[in-house]
Amino acid sequence: MPEGAGRRSQSVDAHLYLLVTMALFGSAFASSKAVVGHMPHQVAAFLRFGGGAVILLVILAFITSRSARGGKLTGKQIARAAAVGLIGVFAYNLFFFWGLSLAPSADGSIIVPVLSPVLTTLFLLITRRETASARRMCGLGIGLAGAVVFFLGAGGVGSDVDSTRLAGDFVFLLGAASWATYSIASKKVLVGMDPLRATTYGTAAGALGLLLLALPFLPDVEWSGTPGHTWANVVYLAVGPTAVAYLFYYRGLRVVSPSTATVVMFTVPVFGVTCAVVFLGESITGLQLVGAVVMLAGALLAVTQKRLPENARGKAAPDADAAHPNDEPQSLTKG
């Protein structure tokens, strides 16, 4: 096979891996909502990531036993991975599952993946870690304006105000902020660490935190009365959106750049809303739809800078996809 054709084939495969990853992340919102409907959200969060941590530990042990490369992480590196895991797994999923207990999963599948990179970019600009171009500032303004419209659409007006749904959406916003914090922290703290090992230890640490949070609520679960489809969703969440999605994501990142992965991430709301409508019968208001579109447009402006136009003109495309191989994307929302 010619070298150019081989490269194109690798690129297509990588984008397919990323697209499947985003579909899994998007489906996690509706699947998690189904679990939250039959047990406390604290318990649901632990079951998902406790199971995901076990699967990742098994995968790590298998790969380590078959590979002669890569030394063990030091105690300091493991501690750093655990610390960021407490933010990206424990804190994020505390808000994620809490929000699902109050608001439709469709709301979370829009708020979290769209606003996480917006909040990340906003923080990096405020701290002057990145440049504040007119394009980026415009994108941030549009994205935040879209968020206001979306929240207004969720809350309703007059006598139709849905305070519970609005509260849930604000909890989702806290989840987006937690994931933005994790994205920033992990980019610096986990640099040079093997991605699989770092994420496995981080997920395990976060799962332990979720276990401590869930312990007081375990007696409230009617284990024998929990429907079979709820357990099927628990297994799916641990295997699909947690373990498999992570492996697919980093498989894709071997070829495409983190910036490209960030743009592909904006397909998560499409998959999330579709699953919410098809499997749960949820819906979003017209005002929410307008806000979501505005948010998405602003987010794309804020996080892509000039990469998309350059790639569209065919300039720097090969180098862009090879650049910064160890960088974290601005947001990888696990859902």
C-alpha atoms as a PDB file:
ATOM      1  CA  MET A   1       0.000   0.000   0.000  1.00  0.00           C
ATOM      2  CA  PRO A   2       1.407   3.470  -0.891  1.00  0.00           C
ATOM      3  CA  GLU A   3       2.564   5.538   2.080  1.00  0.00           C
ATOM      4  CA  GLY A   4      -0.031   8.267   1.443  1.00  0.00           C
ATOM      5  CA  ALA A   5      -2.880   5.759   1.247  1.00  0.00           C
ATOM      6  CA  GLY A   6      -1.679   4.130   4.474  1.00  0.00           C
ATOM      7  CA  ARG A   7      -1.718   7.497   6.223  1.00  0.00           C
ATOM      8  CA  ARG A   8      -5.239   8.231   4.997  1.00  0.00           C
ATOM      9  CA  SER A   9      -6.397   4.812   6.180  1.00  0.00           C
ATOM     10  CA  GLN A  10      -4.903   5.434   9.628  1.00  0.00           C
ATOM     11  CA  SER A  11      -6.578   8.832   9.787  1.00  0.00           C
ATOM     12  CA  VAL A  12      -9.967   7.380   8.867  1.00  0.00           C
ATOM     13  CA  ASP A  13      -9.577   4.644  11.488  1.00  0.00           C
ATOM     14  CA  ALA A  14      -8.548   7.190  14.133  1.00  0.00           C
ATOM     15  CA  HIS A  15     -11.531   9.429  13.440  1.00  0.00           C
ATOM     16  CA  LEU A  16     -13.796   6.377  13.566  1.00  0.00           C
ATOM     17  CA  TYR A  17     -12.363   5.460  16.988  1.00  0.00           C
ATOM     18  CA  LEU A  18     -13.016   8.998  18.201  1.00  0.00           C
ATOM     19  CA  LEU A  19     -16.552   9.046  16.818  1.00  0.00           C
ATOM     20  CA  VAL A  20     -17.389   5.741  18.535  1.00  0.00           C
ATOM     21  CA  THR A  21     -15.891   7.170  21.738  1.00  0.00           C
ATOM     22  CA  MET A  22     -18.151  10.228  21.563  1.00  0.00           C
ATOM     23  CA  ALA A  23     -21.172   8.019  20.861  1.00  0.00           C
ATOM     24  CA  LEU A  24     -20.370   6.023  23.998  1.00  0.00           C
ATOM     25  CA  PHE A  25     -19.900   9.189  26.032  1.00  0.00           C
ATOM     26  CA  GLY A  26     -23.181  10.607  24.726  1.00  0.00           C
ATOM     27  CA  SER A  27     -25.110   7.430  25.495  1.00  0.00           C
ATOM     28  CA  ALA A  28     -23.814   7.489  29.088  1.00  0.00           C
ATOM     29  CA  PHE A  29     -26.154  10.338  30.005  1.00  0.00           C
ATOM     30  CA  ALA A  30     -29.347   8.438  29.188  1.00  0.00           C
ATOM     31  CA  SER A  31     -27.985   5.153  30.512  1.00  0.00           C
ATOM     32  CA  SER A  32     -26.968   6.779  33.812  1.00  0.00           C
ATOM     33  CA  LYS A  33     -30.361   8.443  34.103  1.00  0.00           C
ATOM     34  CA  ALA A  34     -31.992   5.006  33.842  1.00  0.00           C
ATOM     35  CA  VAL A  35     -29.847   3.775  36.745  1.00  0.00           C
ATOM     36  CA  VAL A  36     -30.483   6.860  38.894  1.00  0.00           C
ATOM     37  CA  GLY A  37     -34.200   6.194  38.576  1.00  0.00           C
ATOM     38  CA  HIS A  38     -33.835   2.994  40.658  1.00  0.00           C
ATOM     39  CA  MET A  39     -31.135   3.804  43.234  1.00  0.00           C
ATOM     40  CA  PRO A  40     -29.529   6.815  44.969  1.00  0.00           C
ATOM     41  CA  HIS A  41     -27.290   8.773  42.628  1.00  0.00           C
ATOM     42  CA  GLN A  42     -24.329   8.327  44.993  1.00  0.00           C
ATOM     43  CA  VAL A  43     -24.601   4.533  44.677  1.00  0.00           C
ATOM     44  CA  ALA A  44     -25.084   4.710  40.906  1.00  0.00           C
ATOM     45  CA  ALA A  45     -21.902   6.775  40.521  1.00  0.00           C
ATOM     46  CA  PHE A  46     -19.866   4.299  42.558  1.00  0.00           C
ATOM     47  CA  LEU A  47     -21.183   1.240  40.705  1.00  0.00           C
ATOM     48  CA  ARG A  48     -20.252   2.746  37.359  1.00  0.00           C
ATOM     49  CA  PHE A  49     -16.747   3.832  38.234  1.00  0.00           C
ATOM     50  CA  GLY A  50     -16.036   1.044  40.674  1.00  0.00           C
ATOM     51  CA  GLY A  51     -16.748  -1.389  37.847  1.00  0.00           C
ATOM     52  CA  GLY A  52     -14.808   0.766  35.384  1.00  0.00           C
ATOM     53  CA  ALA A  53     -11.797   0.861  37.710  1.00  0.00           C
ATOM     54  CA  VAL A  54     -11.782  -2.935  38.026  1.00  0.00           C
ATOM     55  CA  ILE A  55     -11.912  -3.341  34.240  1.00  0.00           C
ATOM     56  CA  LEU A  56      -9.101  -0.826  33.697  1.00  0.00           C
ATOM     57  CA  LEU A  57      -6.963  -2.534  36.353  1.00  0.00           C
ATOM     58  CA  VAL A  58      -7.455  -5.886  34.601  1.00  0.00           C
ATOM     59  CA  ILE A  59      -6.566  -4.354  31.221  1.00  0.00           C
ATOM     60  CA  LEU A  60      -3.496  -2.668  32.722  1.00  0.00           C
ATOM     61  CA  ALA A  61      -2.333  -5.921  34.319  1.00  0.00           C
ATOM     62  CA  PHE A  62      -2.798  -7.775  31.027  1.00  0.00           C
ATOM     63  CA  ILE A  63      -0.916  -5.199  28.956  1.00  0.00           C
ATOM     64  CA  THR A  64       1.865  -4.879  31.550  1.00  0.00           C
ATOM     65  CA  SER A  65       2.378  -8.645  31.639  1.00  0.00           C
ATOM     66  CA  ARG A  66       2.756  -8.769  27.843  1.00  0.00           C
ATOM     67  CA  SER A  67       4.944  -5.708  27.423  1.00  0.00           C
ATOM     68  CA  ALA A  68       8.583  -5.389  28.296  1.00  0.00           C
ATOM     69  CA  ARG A  69       8.540  -1.645  27.841  1.00  0.00           C
ATOM     70  CA  GLY A  70       7.643   1.043  30.332  1.00  0.00           C
ATOM     71  CA  GLY A  71       8.712   1.039  33.960  1.00  0.00           C
ATOM     72  CA  LYS A  72       6.477   1.269  36.965  1.00  0.00           C
ATOM     73  CA  LEU A  73       5.184   4.606  38.170  1.00  0.00           C
ATOM     74  CA  THR A  74       6.786   6.058  41.262  1.00  0.00           C
ATOM     75  CA  GLY A  75       4.780   6.642  44.424  1.00  0.00           C
ATOM     76  CA  LYS A  76       4.787  10.371  43.692  1.00  0.00           C
ATOM     77  CA  GLN A  77       3.416   9.826  40.191  1.00  0.00           C
ATOM     78  CA  ILE A  78       0.672   7.539  41.487  1.00  0.00           C
ATOM     79  CA  ALA A  79      -0.252  10.122  44.127  1.00  0.00           C
ATOM     80  CA  ARG A  80      -0.479  12.817  41.447  1.00  0.00           C
ATOM     81  CA  ALA A  81      -2.620  10.593  39.253  1.00  0.00           C
ATOM     82  CA  ALA A  82      -4.888   9.863  42.216  1.00  0.00           C
ATOM     83  CA  ALA A  83      -5.190  13.568  43.021  1.00  0.00           C
ATOM     84  CA  VAL A  84      -6.373  14.531  39.557  1.00  0.00           C
ATOM     85  CA  GLY A  85      -8.609  11.444  39.562  1.00  0.00           C
ATOM     86  CA  LEU A  86     -10.393  12.823  42.613  1.00  0.00           C
ATOM     87  CA  ILE A  87     -11.255  15.874  40.523  1.00  0.00           C
ATOM     88  CA  GLY A  88     -12.024  14.189  37.210  1.00  0.00           C
ATOM     89  CA  VAL A  89     -13.806  11.124  38.588  1.00  0.00           C
ATOM     90  CA  PHE A  90     -15.011  11.850  42.117  1.00  0.00           C
ATOM     91  CA  ALA A  91     -15.974  15.533  41.937  1.00  0.00           C
ATOM     92  CA  TYR A  92     -17.179  15.457  38.334  1.00  0.00           C
ATOM     93  CA  ASN A  93     -19.342  12.376  38.798  1.00  0.00           C
ATOM     94  CA  LEU A  94     -20.742  13.601  42.100  1.00  0.00           C
ATOM     95  CA  PHE A  95     -22.238  16.521  40.164  1.00  0.00           C
ATOM     96  CA  PHE A  96     -22.969  14.430  37.064  1.00  0.00           C
ATOM     97  CA  PHE A  97     -25.168  11.876  38.831  1.00  0.00           C
ATOM     98  CA  TRP A  98     -26.655  14.462  41.187  1.00  0.00           C
ATOM     99  CA  GLY A  99     -27.711  16.524  38.180  1.00  0.00           C
ATOM    100  CA  LEU A 100     -29.291  13.445  36.587  1.00  0.00           C
ATOM    101  CA  SER A 101     -31.442  12.973  39.696  1.00  0.00           C
ATOM    102  CA  LEU A 102     -32.911  16.435  39.176  1.00  0.00           C
ATOM    103  CA  ALA A 103     -32.931  17.183  35.444  1.00  0.00           C
ATOM    104  CA  PRO A 104     -33.332  15.286  32.144  1.00  0.00           C
ATOM    105  CA  SER A 105     -30.244  13.582  30.772  1.00  0.00           C
ATOM    106  CA  ALA A 106     -30.653  15.598  27.561  1.00  0.00           C
ATOM    107  CA  ASP A 107     -29.821  18.773  29.483  1.00  0.00           C
ATOM    108  CA  GLY A 108     -26.601  17.294  30.851  1.00  0.00           C
ATOM    109  CA  SER A 109     -25.542  15.926  27.477  1.00  0.00           C
ATOM    110  CA  ILE A 110     -25.598  19.491  26.156  1.00  0.00           C
ATOM    111  CA  ILE A 111     -24.352  21.496  29.136  1.00  0.00           C
ATOM    112  CA  VAL A 112     -21.348  19.375  30.127  1.00  0.00           C
ATOM    113  CA  PRO A 113     -19.585  18.670  26.802  1.00  0.00           C
ATOM    114  CA  VAL A 114     -20.225  22.151  25.387  1.00  0.00           C
ATOM    115  CA  LEU A 115     -19.470  24.303  28.429  1.00  0.00           C
ATOM    116  CA  SER A 116     -16.475  22.309  29.744  1.00  0.00           C
ATOM    117  CA  PRO A 117     -14.117  23.498  26.963  1.00  0.00           C
ATOM    118  CA  VAL A 118     -15.602  27.001  27.186  1.00  0.00           C
ATOM    119  CA  LEU A 119     -14.828  27.183  30.908  1.00  0.00           C
ATOM    120  CA  THR A 120     -11.377  25.702  30.306  1.00  0.00           C
ATOM    121  CA  THR A 121     -10.600  28.302  27.664  1.00  0.00           C
ATOM    122  CA  LEU A 122     -11.971  31.106  29.852  1.00  0.00           C
ATOM    123  CA  PHE A 123      -9.697  30.103  32.734  1.00  0.00           C
ATOM    124  CA  LEU A 124      -6.631  29.826  30.488  1.00  0.00           C
ATOM    125  CA  LEU A 125      -7.309  33.291  29.084  1.00  0.00           C
ATOM    126  CA  ILE A 126      -7.896  34.843  32.512  1.00  0.00           C
ATOM    127  CA  THR A 127      -4.630  33.367  33.815  1.00  0.00           C
ATOM    128  CA  ARG A 128      -2.877  34.434  30.588  1.00  0.00           C
ATOM    129  CA  ARG A 129      -1.762  30.915  29.753  1.00  0.00           C
ATOM    130  CA  GLU A 130      -3.232  31.424  26.285  1.00  0.00           C
ATOM    131  CA  THR A 131      -3.741  34.474  24.109  1.00  0.00           C
ATOM    132  CA  ALA A 132      -7.034  36.353  24.047  1.00  0.00           C
ATOM    133  CA  SER A 133      -7.636  36.856  20.335  1.00  0.00           C
ATOM    134  CA  ALA A 134     -10.756  38.663  19.149  1.00  0.00           C
ATOM    135  CA  ARG A 135     -12.049  35.382  17.708  1.00  0.00           C
ATOM    136  CA  ARG A 136     -11.705  33.561  21.011  1.00  0.00           C
ATOM    137  CA  MET A 137     -13.251  36.356  23.057  1.00  0.00           C
ATOM    138  CA  CYS A 138     -16.142  36.517  20.628  1.00  0.00           C
ATOM    139  CA  GLY A 139     -16.610  32.758  20.912  1.00  0.00           C
ATOM    140  CA  LEU A 140     -16.622  32.894  24.699  1.00  0.00           C
ATOM    141  CA  GLY A 141     -19.187  35.680  24.696  1.00  0.00           C
ATOM    142  CA  ILE A 142     -21.431  33.802  22.293  1.00  0.00           C
ATOM    143  CA  GLY A 143     -21.051  30.562  24.229  1.00  0.00           C
ATOM    144  CA  LEU A 144     -21.921  32.146  27.564  1.00  0.00           C
ATOM    145  CA  ALA A 145     -24.875  33.984  26.014  1.00  0.00           C
ATOM    146  CA  GLY A 146     -26.121  30.675  24.638  1.00  0.00           C
ATOM    147  CA  ALA A 147     -25.802  29.163  28.130  1.00  0.00           C
ATOM    148  CA  VAL A 148     -27.998  31.922  29.558  1.00  0.00           C
ATOM    149  CA  VAL A 149     -30.643  31.265  26.894  1.00  0.00           C
ATOM    150  CA  PHE A 150     -30.442  27.518  27.541  1.00  0.00           C
ATOM    151  CA  PHE A 151     -30.938  27.945  31.295  1.00  0.00           C
ATOM    152  CA  LEU A 152     -33.856  30.288  30.713  1.00  0.00           C
ATOM    153  CA  GLY A 153     -35.430  27.661  28.484  1.00  0.00           C
ATOM    154  CA  ALA A 154     -34.922  24.971  31.133  1.00  0.00           C
ATOM    155  CA  GLY A 155     -36.408  27.028  33.965  1.00  0.00           C
ATOM    156  CA  GLY A 156     -39.526  28.205  32.173  1.00  0.00           C
ATOM    157  CA  VAL A 157     -41.349  31.449  32.904  1.00  0.00           C
ATOM    158  CA  GLY A 158     -44.144  32.590  35.184  1.00  0.00           C
ATOM    159  CA  SER A 159     -46.205  29.810  36.715  1.00  0.00           C
ATOM    160  CA  ASP A 160     -44.445  27.225  34.529  1.00  0.00           C
ATOM    161  CA  VAL A 161     -41.086  27.602  36.267  1.00  0.00           C
ATOM    162  CA  ASP A 162     -39.458  24.195  36.773  1.00  0.00           C
ATOM    163  CA  SER A 163     -37.159  24.902  39.706  1.00  0.00           C
ATOM    164  CA  THR A 164     -36.036  21.271  40.041  1.00  0.00           C
ATOM    165  CA  ARG A 165     -34.906  21.048  36.433  1.00  0.00           C
ATOM    166  CA  LEU A 166     -33.184  24.418  36.671  1.00  0.00           C
ATOM    167  CA  ALA A 167     -31.371  23.315  39.834  1.00  0.00           C
ATOM    168  CA  GLY A 168     -30.260  20.143  38.059  1.00  0.00           C
ATOM    169  CA  ASP A 169     -28.892  22.168  35.165  1.00  0.00           C
ATOM    170  CA  PHE A 170     -26.868  24.311  37.571  1.00  0.00           C
ATOM    171  CA  VAL A 171     -25.486  21.112  39.114  1.00  0.00           C
ATOM    172  CA  PHE A 172     -24.494  20.001  35.590  1.00  0.00           C
ATOM    173  CA  LEU A 173     -22.717  23.357  35.273  1.00  0.00           C
ATOM    174  CA  LEU A 174     -20.717  22.521  38.412  1.00  0.00           C
ATOM    175  CA  GLY A 175     -19.853  19.204  36.770  1.00  0.00           C
ATOM    176  CA  ALA A 176     -18.621  21.042  33.677  1.00  0.00           C
ATOM    177  CA  ALA A 177     -16.485  23.274  35.915  1.00  0.00           C
ATOM    178  CA  SER A 178     -15.050  20.191  37.649  1.00  0.00           C
ATOM    179  CA  TRP A 179     -14.132  18.642  34.321  1.00  0.00           C
ATOM    180  CA  ALA A 180     -12.562  21.898  33.142  1.00  0.00           C
ATOM    181  CA  THR A 181     -10.450  21.919  36.324  1.00  0.00           C
ATOM    182  CA  TYR A 182      -9.427  18.314  35.685  1.00  0.00           C
ATOM    183  CA  SER A 183      -8.490  19.092  32.068  1.00  0.00           C
ATOM    184  CA  ILE A 184      -6.186  21.889  33.186  1.00  0.00           C
ATOM    185  CA  ALA A 185      -4.662  19.982  36.105  1.00  0.00           C
ATOM    186  CA  SER A 186      -4.079  16.744  34.208  1.00  0.00           C
ATOM    187  CA  LYS A 187      -2.320  18.480  31.339  1.00  0.00           C
ATOM    188  CA  LYS A 188       0.431  19.635  33.696  1.00  0.00           C
ATOM    189  CA  VAL A 189       0.431  17.003  36.440  1.00  0.00           C
ATOM    190  CA  LEU A 190       0.217  13.887  34.257  1.00  0.00           C
ATOM    191  CA  VAL A 191       2.719  14.980  31.616  1.00  0.00           C
ATOM    192  CA  GLY A 192       5.172  12.206  30.800  1.00  0.00           C
ATOM    193  CA  MET A 193       3.035   9.541  32.449  1.00  0.00           C
ATOM    194  CA  ASP A 194       1.667   6.554  30.556  1.00  0.00           C
ATOM    195  CA  PRO A 195      -1.980   7.466  29.792  1.00  0.00           C
ATOM    196  CA  LEU A 196      -3.450   4.051  30.593  1.00  0.00           C
ATOM    197  CA  ARG A 197      -1.694   3.732  33.931  1.00  0.00           C
ATOM    198  CA  ALA A 198      -2.350   7.324  34.956  1.00  0.00           C
ATOM    199  CA  THR A 199      -6.050   7.117  34.143  1.00  0.00           C
ATOM    200  CA  THR A 200      -6.398   3.675  35.749  1.00  0.00           C
ATOM    201  CA  TYR A 201      -4.960   4.894  39.045  1.00  0.00           C
ATOM    202  CA  GLY A 202      -6.946   8.117  38.824  1.00  0.00           C
ATOM    203  CA  THR A 203     -10.176   6.218  38.157  1.00  0.00           C
ATOM    204  CA  ALA A 204      -9.459   3.852  41.055  1.00  0.00           C
ATOM    205  CA  ALA A 205      -8.851   6.768  43.430  1.00  0.00           C
ATOM    206  CA  GLY A 206     -12.013   8.513  42.293  1.00  0.00           C
ATOM    207  CA  ALA A 207     -13.993   5.284  42.667  1.00  0.00           C
ATOM    208  CA  LEU A 208     -12.781   4.929  46.267  1.00  0.00           C
ATOM    209  CA  GLY A 209     -13.982   8.456  46.974  1.00  0.00           C
ATOM    210  CA  LEU A 210     -17.350   7.639  45.428  1.00  0.00           C
ATOM    211  CA  LEU A 211     -17.526   4.488  47.597  1.00  0.00           C
ATOM    212  CA  LEU A 212     -17.085   6.538  50.765  1.00  0.00           C
ATOM    213  CA  LEU A 213     -19.813   8.884  49.560  1.00  0.00           C
ATOM    214  CA  ALA A 214     -22.123   5.961  48.709  1.00  0.00           C
ATOM    215  CA  LEU A 215     -21.716   3.967  51.953  1.00  0.00           C
ATOM    216  CA  PRO A 216     -24.494   5.742  53.919  1.00  0.00           C
ATOM    217  CA  PHE A 217     -26.924   5.185  51.029  1.00  0.00           C
ATOM    218  CA  LEU A 218     -26.258   1.487  50.392  1.00  0.00           C
ATOM    219  CA  PRO A 219     -28.967   0.345  52.867  1.00  0.00           C
ATOM    220  CA  ASP A 220     -31.525   2.392  50.904  1.00  0.00           C
ATOM    221  CA  VAL A 221     -31.060   0.291  47.764  1.00  0.00           C
ATOM    222  CA  GLU A 222     -33.608  -2.468  47.163  1.00  0.00           C
ATOM    223  CA  TRP A 223     -31.050  -4.829  45.679  1.00  0.00           C
ATOM    224  CA  SER A 224     -33.434  -7.713  45.052  1.00  0.00           C
ATOM    225  CA  GLY A 225     -36.055  -5.397  43.592  1.00  0.00           C
ATOM    226  CA  THR A 226     -33.739  -3.596  41.187  1.00  0.00           C
ATOM    227  CA  PRO A 227     -34.878  -4.387  37.612  1.00  0.00           C
ATOM    228  CA  GLY A 228     -32.650  -6.394  35.314  1.00  0.00           C
ATOM    229  CA  HIS A 229     -32.406  -3.544  32.784  1.00  0.00           C
ATOM    230  CA  THR A 230     -30.945  -1.339  35.519  1.00  0.00           C
ATOM    231  CA  TRP A 231     -28.128  -3.845  36.124  1.00  0.00           C
ATOM    232  CA  ALA A 232     -27.627  -4.097  32.359  1.00  0.00           C
ATOM    233  CA  ASN A 233     -27.140  -0.332  32.279  1.00  0.00           C
ATOM    234  CA  VAL A 234     -24.661  -0.513  35.190  1.00  0.00           C
ATOM    235  CA  VAL A 235     -22.591  -3.098  33.316  1.00  0.00           C
ATOM    236  CA  TYR A 236     -22.807  -1.113  30.088  1.00  0.00           C
ATOM    237  CA  LEU A 237     -21.653   2.082  31.826  1.00  0.00           C
ATOM    238  CA  ALA A 238     -18.644   0.357  33.373  1.00  0.00           C
ATOM    239  CA  VAL A 239     -17.612  -1.375  30.141  1.00  0.00           C
ATOM    240  CA  GLY A 240     -18.635   0.993  27.331  1.00  0.00           C
ATOM    241  CA  PRO A 241     -18.458   4.701  28.275  1.00  0.00           C
ATOM    242  CA  THR A 242     -15.789   4.095  30.935  1.00  0.00           C
ATOM    243  CA  ALA A 243     -13.253   1.410  29.893  1.00  0.00           C
ATOM    244  CA  VAL A 244     -13.781   0.863  26.150  1.00  0.00           C
ATOM    245  CA  ALA A 245     -14.316   4.546  25.371  1.00  0.00           C
ATOM    246  CA  TYR A 246     -11.075   5.476  27.121  1.00  0.00           C
ATOM    247  CA  LEU A 247      -9.078   2.898  25.149  1.00  0.00           C
ATOM    248  CA  PHE A 248     -10.669   3.963  21.862  1.00  0.00           C
ATOM    249  CA  TYR A 249      -9.996   7.605  22.648  1.00  0.00           C
ATOM    250  CA  TYR A 250      -6.275   7.160  23.126  1.00  0.00           C
ATOM    251  CA  ARG A 251      -6.134   4.848  20.118  1.00  0.00           C
ATOM    252  CA  GLY A 252      -7.496   7.750  18.076  1.00  0.00           C
ATOM    253  CA  LEU A 253      -5.076  10.223  19.653  1.00  0.00           C
ATOM    254  CA  ARG A 254      -2.139   8.237  18.299  1.00  0.00           C
ATOM    255  CA  VAL A 255      -2.924   9.687  14.871  1.00  0.00           C
ATOM    256  CA  VAL A 256      -4.987  12.865  15.273  1.00  0.00           C
ATOM    257  CA  SER A 257      -4.194  15.861  17.435  1.00  0.00           C
ATOM    258  CA  PRO A 258      -5.875  16.693  20.749  1.00  0.00           C
ATOM    259  CA  SER A 259      -7.333  19.812  19.131  1.00  0.00           C
ATOM    260  CA  THR A 260      -9.072  17.633  16.538  1.00  0.00           C
ATOM    261  CA  ALA A 261     -10.361  15.368  19.302  1.00  0.00           C
ATOM    262  CA  THR A 262     -11.769  18.416  21.078  1.00  0.00           C
ATOM    263  CA  VAL A 263     -13.757  19.386  17.991  1.00  0.00           C
ATOM    264  CA  VAL A 264     -15.052  15.823  17.562  1.00  0.00           C
ATOM    265  CA  MET A 265     -16.176  16.013  21.199  1.00  0.00           C
ATOM    266  CA  PHE A 266     -18.892  18.441  20.166  1.00  0.00           C
ATOM    267  CA  THR A 267     -20.771  15.512  18.622  1.00  0.00           C
ATOM    268  CA  VAL A 268     -21.499  14.225  22.156  1.00  0.00           C
ATOM    269  CA  PRO A 269     -24.685  16.337  22.511  1.00  0.00           C
ATOM    270  CA  VAL A 270     -26.050  14.849  19.274  1.00  0.00           C
ATOM    271  CA  PHE A 271     -25.640  11.304  20.579  1.00  0.00           C
ATOM    272  CA  GLY A 272     -26.756  12.270  24.072  1.00  0.00           C
ATOM    273  CA  VAL A 273     -29.968  13.998  23.039  1.00  0.00           C
ATOM    274  CA  THR A 274     -30.788  11.249  20.538  1.00  0.00           C
ATOM    275  CA  CYS A 275     -30.480   8.553  23.233  1.00  0.00           C
ATOM    276  CA  ALA A 276     -32.499  10.647  25.680  1.00  0.00           C
ATOM    277  CA  VAL A 277     -35.331  11.082  23.184  1.00  0.00           C
ATOM    278  CA  VAL A 278     -35.331   7.516  21.837  1.00  0.00           C
ATOM    279  CA  PHE A 279     -34.821   5.544  25.059  1.00  0.00           C
ATOM    280  CA  LEU A 280     -36.226   7.835  27.753  1.00  0.00           C
ATOM    281  CA  GLY A 281     -38.811   9.863  25.871  1.00  0.00           C
ATOM    282  CA  GLU A 282     -37.238  13.142  27.008  1.00  0.00           C
ATOM    283  CA  SER A 283     -37.449  16.427  25.169  1.00  0.00           C
ATOM    284  CA  ILE A 284     -35.922  19.882  25.233  1.00  0.00           C
ATOM    285  CA  THR A 285     -37.767  23.157  24.781  1.00  0.00           C
ATOM    286  CA  GLY A 286     -37.430  25.323  21.696  1.00  0.00           C
ATOM    287  CA  LEU A 287     -35.599  27.976  23.714  1.00  0.00           C
ATOM    288  CA  GLN A 288     -33.162  25.341  24.978  1.00  0.00           C
ATOM    289  CA  LEU A 289     -32.514  24.222  21.412  1.00  0.00           C
ATOM    290  CA  VAL A 290     -31.707  27.793  20.386  1.00  0.00           C
ATOM    291  CA  GLY A 291     -29.417  28.178  23.383  1.00  0.00           C
ATOM    292  CA  ALA A 292     -27.675  24.884  22.615  1.00  0.00           C
ATOM    293  CA  VAL A 293     -26.954  25.905  19.016  1.00  0.00           C
ATOM    294  CA  VAL A 294     -25.617  29.294  20.153  1.00  0.00           C
ATOM    295  CA  MET A 295     -23.483  27.619  22.843  1.00  0.00           C
ATOM    296  CA  LEU A 296     -22.049  25.183  20.325  1.00  0.00           C
ATOM    297  CA  ALA A 297     -21.203  27.930  17.839  1.00  0.00           C
ATOM    298  CA  GLY A 298     -19.480  29.969  20.536  1.00  0.00           C
ATOM    299  CA  ALA A 299     -17.582  26.966  21.865  1.00  0.00           C
ATOM    300  CA  LEU A 300     -16.251  26.104  18.416  1.00  0.00           C
ATOM    301  CA  LEU A 301     -15.012  29.674  17.967  1.00  0.00           C
ATOM    302  CA  ALA A 302     -13.442  29.708  21.429  1.00  0.00           C
ATOM    303  CA  VAL A 303     -11.519  26.435  21.307  1.00  0.00           C
ATOM    304  CA  THR A 304     -10.549  25.944  17.663  1.00  0.00           C
ATOM    305  CA  GLN A 305      -8.839  29.303  17.126  1.00  0.00           C
ATOM    306  CA  LYS A 306      -7.760  29.204  13.454  1.00  0.00           C
ATOM    307  CA  ARG A 307      -7.137  25.486  13.162  1.00  0.00           C
ATOM    308  CA  LEU A 308     -10.263  24.654  11.192  1.00  0.00           C
ATOM    309  CA  PRO A 309      -9.793  27.297   8.491  1.00  0.00           C
ATOM    310  CA  GLU A 310      -6.145  26.295   8.109  1.00  0.00           C
ATOM    311  CA  ASN A 311      -7.018  22.635   7.712  1.00  0.00           C
ATOM    312  CA  ALA A 312      -9.798  23.495   5.305  1.00  0.00           C
ATOM    313  CA  ARG A 313      -7.256  25.254   3.089  1.00  0.00           C
ATOM    314  CA  GLY A 314      -4.982  22.228   3.317  1.00  0.00           C
ATOM    315  CA  LYS A 315      -2.263  24.103   5.196  1.00  0.00           C
ATOM    316  CA  ALA A 316      -0.392  22.547   8.088  1.00  0.00           C
ATOM    317  CA  ALA A 317      -2.861  19.670   8.318  1.00  0.00           C
ATOM    318  CA  PRO A 318      -0.250  16.892   8.591  1.00  0.00           C
ATOM    319  CA  ASP A 319       1.820  18.806  11.142  1.00  0.00           C
ATOM    320  CA  ALA A 320      -1.211  19.819  13.189  1.00  0.00           C
ATOM    321  CA  ASP A 321      -2.216  16.238  13.678  1.00  0.00           C
ATOM    322  CA  ALA A 322       1.273  15.311  14.785  1.00  0.00           C
ATOM    323  CA  ALA A 323       1.857  18.299  17.031  1.00  0.00           C
ATOM    324  CA  HIS A 324       1.886  18.152  20.819  1.00  0.00           C
ATOM    325  CA  PRO A 325       1.394  14.391  21.125  1.00  0.00           C
ATOM    326  CA  ASN A 326       1.458  14.521  24.927  1.00  0.00           C
ATOM    327  CA  ASP A 327      -1.004  17.393  25.317  1.00  0.00           C
ATOM    328  CA  GLU A 328      -4.382  16.737  26.923  1.00  0.00           C
ATOM    329  CA  PRO A 329      -7.327  18.023  24.919  1.00  0.00           C
ATOM    330  CA  GLN A 330      -9.103  20.930  26.503  1.00  0.00           C
ATOM    331  CA  SER A 331     -11.895  18.636  27.553  1.00  0.00           C
ATOM    332  CA  LEU A 332     -12.667  14.969  27.323  1.00  0.00           C
ATOM    333  CA  THR A 333     -16.093  14.572  28.808  1.00  0.00           C
ATOM    334  CA  LYS A 334     -16.654  11.021  29.835  1.00  0.00           C
ATOM    335  CA  GLY A 335     -20.329  11.467  30.441  1.00  0.00           C
END
